[in-house]
C-alpha atoms as a PDB file:
ATOM      1  CA  UNK A   1       9.598   1.113  -9.420  1.00  0.00           C
ATOM      2  CA  UNK A   2      10.702   2.048 -12.966  1.00  0.00           C
ATOM      3  CA  UNK A   3       9.529   0.378 -16.308  1.00  0.00           C
ATOM      4  CA  UNK A   4       9.973   0.972 -20.056  1.00  0.00           C
ATOM      5  CA  UNK A   5       7.166   1.379 -22.377  1.00  0.00           C
ATOM      6  CA  UNK A   6       7.995   0.753 -25.967  1.00  0.00           C
ATOM      7  CA  UNK A   7       4.723   1.692 -28.345  1.00  0.00           C
ATOM      8  CA  UNK A   8       4.143  -0.012 -31.755  1.00  0.00           C
ATOM      9  CA  UNK A   9       1.403   0.459 -34.037  1.00  0.00           C
ATOM     10  CA  UNK A  10      -0.710  -2.285 -32.742  1.00  0.00           C
ATOM     11  CA  UNK A  11       0.774  -3.097 -29.333  1.00  0.00           C
ATOM     12  CA  UNK A  12       2.784  -1.919 -26.544  1.00  0.00           C
ATOM     13  CA  UNK A  13       5.679  -3.748 -24.527  1.00  0.00           C
ATOM     14  CA  UNK A  14       5.858  -2.684 -21.002  1.00  0.00           C
ATOM     15  CA  UNK A  15       8.999  -3.945 -19.125  1.00  0.00           C
ATOM     16  CA  UNK A  16       9.173  -3.477 -15.516  1.00  0.00           C
ATOM     17  CA  UNK A  17      12.897  -2.565 -14.394  1.00  0.00           C
ATOM     18  CA  UNK A  18      12.647  -4.644 -11.003  1.00  0.00           C
ATOM     19  CA  UNK A  19      13.630  -7.908  -9.629  1.00  0.00           C
ATOM     20  CA  UNK A  20      10.519  -8.605  -7.453  1.00  0.00           C
ATOM     21  CA  UNK A  21       6.830  -7.703  -8.589  1.00  0.00           C
ATOM     22  CA  UNK A  22       5.203  -6.969  -5.651  1.00  0.00           C
ATOM     23  CA  UNK A  23       2.037  -4.841  -4.499  1.00  0.00           C
ATOM     24  CA  UNK A  24       3.846  -1.520  -4.952  1.00  0.00           C
ATOM     25  CA  UNK A  25       5.216  -2.369  -8.616  1.00  0.00           C
ATOM     26  CA  UNK A  26       1.903  -3.676  -9.331  1.00  0.00           C
ATOM     27  CA  UNK A  27      -0.121  -0.620  -8.509  1.00  0.00           C
ATOM     28  CA  UNK A  28       2.128   1.418 -10.808  1.00  0.00           C
ATOM     29  CA  UNK A  29       1.710  -1.137 -13.599  1.00  0.00           C
ATOM     30  CA  UNK A  30      -2.054  -1.064 -13.154  1.00  0.00           C
ATOM     31  CA  UNK A  31      -2.098   2.594 -13.799  1.00  0.00           C
ATOM     32  CA  UNK A  32      -0.034   2.007 -16.970  1.00  0.00           C
ATOM     33  CA  UNK A  33      -2.413  -0.534 -18.189  1.00  0.00           C
ATOM     34  CA  UNK A  34      -5.492   1.679 -17.601  1.00  0.00           C
ATOM     35  CA  UNK A  35      -3.803   4.622 -19.343  1.00  0.00           C
ATOM     36  CA  UNK A  36      -3.003   2.455 -22.225  1.00  0.00           C
ATOM     37  CA  UNK A  37      -6.479   0.991 -22.298  1.00  0.00           C
ATOM     38  CA  UNK A  38      -8.172   4.275 -22.218  1.00  0.00           C
ATOM     39  CA  UNK A  39      -5.953   5.538 -25.024  1.00  0.00           C
ATOM     40  CA  UNK A  40      -7.229   2.936 -27.141  1.00  0.00           C
ATOM     41  CA  UNK A  41      -4.224   0.207 -26.833  1.00  0.00           C
ATOM     42  CA  UNK A  42      -5.840  -3.259 -26.690  1.00  0.00           C
ATOM     43  CA  UNK A  43      -2.686  -5.248 -27.222  1.00  0.00           C
ATOM     44  CA  UNK A  44      -0.320  -5.372 -24.197  1.00  0.00           C
ATOM     45  CA  UNK A  45       3.121  -7.409 -23.905  1.00  0.00           C
ATOM     46  CA  UNK A  46       4.612  -7.561 -20.451  1.00  0.00           C
ATOM     47  CA  UNK A  47       8.100  -8.386 -20.767  1.00  0.00           C
ATOM     48  CA  UNK A  48       9.341 -10.058 -17.490  1.00  0.00           C
ATOM     49  CA  UNK A  49      12.922 -10.534 -18.271  1.00  0.00           C
ATOM     50  CA  UNK A  50      14.273  -8.390 -15.300  1.00  0.00           C
ATOM     51  CA  UNK A  51      11.652  -9.817 -12.835  1.00  0.00           C
ATOM     52  CA  UNK A  52      13.009 -12.672 -10.673  1.00  0.00           C
ATOM     53  CA  UNK A  53      10.067 -13.250  -8.442  1.00  0.00           C
ATOM     54  CA  UNK A  54       6.699 -12.052  -7.691  1.00  0.00           C
ATOM     55  CA  UNK A  55       3.991 -11.921  -4.994  1.00  0.00           C
ATOM     56  CA  UNK A  56       0.322 -12.598  -5.123  1.00  0.00           C
ATOM     57  CA  UNK A  57      -0.466  -8.998  -5.804  1.00  0.00           C
ATOM     58  CA  UNK A  58       2.028  -9.078  -8.562  1.00  0.00           C
ATOM     59  CA  UNK A  59       0.190 -11.947 -10.172  1.00  0.00           C
ATOM     60  CA  UNK A  60      -3.286 -10.228  -9.491  1.00  0.00           C
ATOM     61  CA  UNK A  61      -1.937  -7.185 -11.742  1.00  0.00           C
ATOM     62  CA  UNK A  62      -1.646  -9.326 -14.804  1.00  0.00           C
ATOM     63  CA  UNK A  63      -5.397 -10.274 -14.319  1.00  0.00           C
ATOM     64  CA  UNK A  64      -6.531  -6.797 -14.539  1.00  0.00           C
ATOM     65  CA  UNK A  65      -4.372  -6.390 -17.778  1.00  0.00           C
ATOM     66  CA  UNK A  66      -5.900  -9.482 -19.180  1.00  0.00           C
ATOM     67  CA  UNK A  67      -9.477  -8.362 -18.652  1.00  0.00           C
ATOM     68  CA  UNK A  68      -8.945  -5.012 -20.065  1.00  0.00           C
ATOM     69  CA  UNK A  69      -7.367  -6.313 -23.361  1.00  0.00           C
ATOM     70  CA  UNK A  70      -9.843  -9.238 -23.895  1.00  0.00           C
ATOM     71  CA  UNK A  71     -12.794  -6.726 -23.327  1.00  0.00           C
ATOM     72  CA  UNK A  72     -11.524  -4.619 -26.205  1.00  0.00           C
ATOM     73  CA  UNK A  73     -10.832  -7.858 -28.287  1.00  0.00           C
ATOM     74  CA  UNK A  74      -7.115  -7.747 -27.853  1.00  0.00           C
ATOM     75  CA  UNK A  75      -4.399  -9.868 -26.144  1.00  0.00           C
ATOM     76  CA  UNK A  76      -2.334  -9.621 -22.929  1.00  0.00           C
ATOM     77  CA  UNK A  77       0.861 -11.693 -23.390  1.00  0.00           C
ATOM     78  CA  UNK A  78       3.687 -12.389 -20.891  1.00  0.00           C
ATOM     79  CA  UNK A  79       7.156 -12.898 -21.901  1.00  0.00           C
ATOM     80  CA  UNK A  80      10.653 -13.141 -20.635  1.00  0.00           C
ATOM     81  CA  UNK A  81       9.420 -15.605 -17.735  1.00  0.00           C
ATOM     82  CA  UNK A  82      12.192 -17.277 -15.682  1.00  0.00           C
ATOM     83  CA  UNK A  83      11.558 -20.683 -14.540  1.00  0.00           C
ATOM     84  CA  UNK A  84      10.636 -19.313 -11.018  1.00  0.00           C
ATOM     85  CA  UNK A  85       7.832 -17.176 -12.540  1.00  0.00           C
ATOM     86  CA  UNK A  86       6.886 -20.008 -14.705  1.00  0.00           C
ATOM     87  CA  UNK A  87       6.482 -22.104 -11.592  1.00  0.00           C
ATOM     88  CA  UNK A  88       4.451 -19.685  -9.591  1.00  0.00           C
ATOM     89  CA  UNK A  89       1.924 -19.399 -12.400  1.00  0.00           C
ATOM     90  CA  UNK A  90       1.872 -23.183 -12.453  1.00  0.00           C
ATOM     91  CA  UNK A  91       1.385 -23.533  -8.792  1.00  0.00           C
ATOM     92  CA  UNK A  92      -1.380 -20.835  -8.631  1.00  0.00           C
ATOM     93  CA  UNK A  93      -3.196 -22.437 -11.685  1.00  0.00           C
ATOM     94  CA  UNK A  94      -2.672 -19.245 -13.693  1.00  0.00           C
ATOM     95  CA  UNK A  95      -0.515 -20.641 -16.404  1.00  0.00           C
ATOM     96  CA  UNK A  96      -3.424 -21.526 -18.494  1.00  0.00           C
ATOM     97  CA  UNK A  97      -5.054 -18.217 -17.994  1.00  0.00           C
ATOM     98  CA  UNK A  98      -2.357 -16.016 -19.472  1.00  0.00           C
ATOM     99  CA  UNK A  99      -0.937 -16.266 -23.080  1.00  0.00           C
ATOM    100  CA  UNK A 100       2.651 -16.702 -22.908  1.00  0.00           C
ATOM    101  CA  UNK A 101       5.259 -16.238 -25.417  1.00  0.00           C
ATOM    102  CA  UNK A 102       8.941 -17.206 -25.612  1.00  0.00           C
ATOM    103  CA  UNK A 103       9.946 -14.005 -26.798  1.00  0.00           C
ATOM    104  CA  UNK A 104       8.503 -10.496 -27.922  1.00  0.00           C
ATOM    105  CA  UNK A 105       8.964 -11.509 -31.671  1.00  0.00           C
ATOM    106  CA  UNK A 106       6.426 -14.520 -30.936  1.00  0.00           C
ATOM    107  CA  UNK A 107       4.078 -12.279 -28.919  1.00  0.00           C
ATOM    108  CA  UNK A 108       4.012  -9.982 -31.897  1.00  0.00           C
ATOM    109  CA  UNK A 109       2.982 -12.794 -34.123  1.00  0.00           C
ATOM    110  CA  UNK A 110       0.234 -13.557 -31.778  1.00  0.00           C
ATOM    111  CA  UNK A 111      -0.840 -10.291 -31.948  1.00  0.00           C
ATOM    112  CA  UNK A 112      -0.688  -9.822 -35.626  1.00  0.00           C
ATOM    113  CA  UNK A 113      -2.566 -13.138 -35.971  1.00  0.00           C
ATOM    114  CA  UNK A 114      -5.426 -12.055 -33.519  1.00  0.00           C
ATOM    115  CA  UNK A 115      -5.624  -8.744 -35.448  1.00  0.00           C
ATOM    116  CA  UNK A 116      -5.962 -10.395 -38.787  1.00  0.00           C
ATOM    117  CA  UNK A 117      -8.929 -12.612 -37.420  1.00  0.00           C
ATOM    118  CA  UNK A 118     -10.353  -9.492 -36.011  1.00  0.00           C
ATOM    119  CA  UNK A 119     -10.218  -7.680 -39.456  1.00  0.00           C
ATOM    120  CA  UNK A 120     -11.623 -10.721 -41.101  1.00  0.00           C
ATOM    121  CA  UNK A 121     -14.784 -10.988 -38.690  1.00  0.00           C
ATOM    122  CA  UNK A 122     -15.154  -6.990 -39.385  1.00  0.00           C
ATOM    123  CA  UNK A 123     -15.097  -7.759 -43.166  1.00  0.00           C
ATOM    124  CA  UNK A 124     -17.612 -10.552 -42.915  1.00  0.00           C
ATOM    125  CA  UNK A 125     -20.048  -8.419 -40.730  1.00  0.00           C
ATOM    126  CA  UNK A 126     -20.511  -5.832 -43.361  1.00  0.00           C
END
């Protein structure tokens, strides 16, 4: 499975180029999430605009990414979800677990809001 990585100063957008997110695709994405996390990237946007469906392994991959981002104070945001993926998240009771944005631009707003909160907490701690 191929995917694109679009790096920005405070976040990275990863876009799987597949129509089905299965265990094989999830394993490759997990590796990329780990690489980004160890490289100091704490905010990840997973753009699923090309993904039409996913299985259980595909969903679990997102749980790992969320834990990694949260552990470092960052956000893991899903965007580009079609109706089938939204329904899958709802049926598995994961829609409230993930941050979901309607667009990359809205995800960016969420990230910058979180970064401002983190910066303010850092200033207050001094």
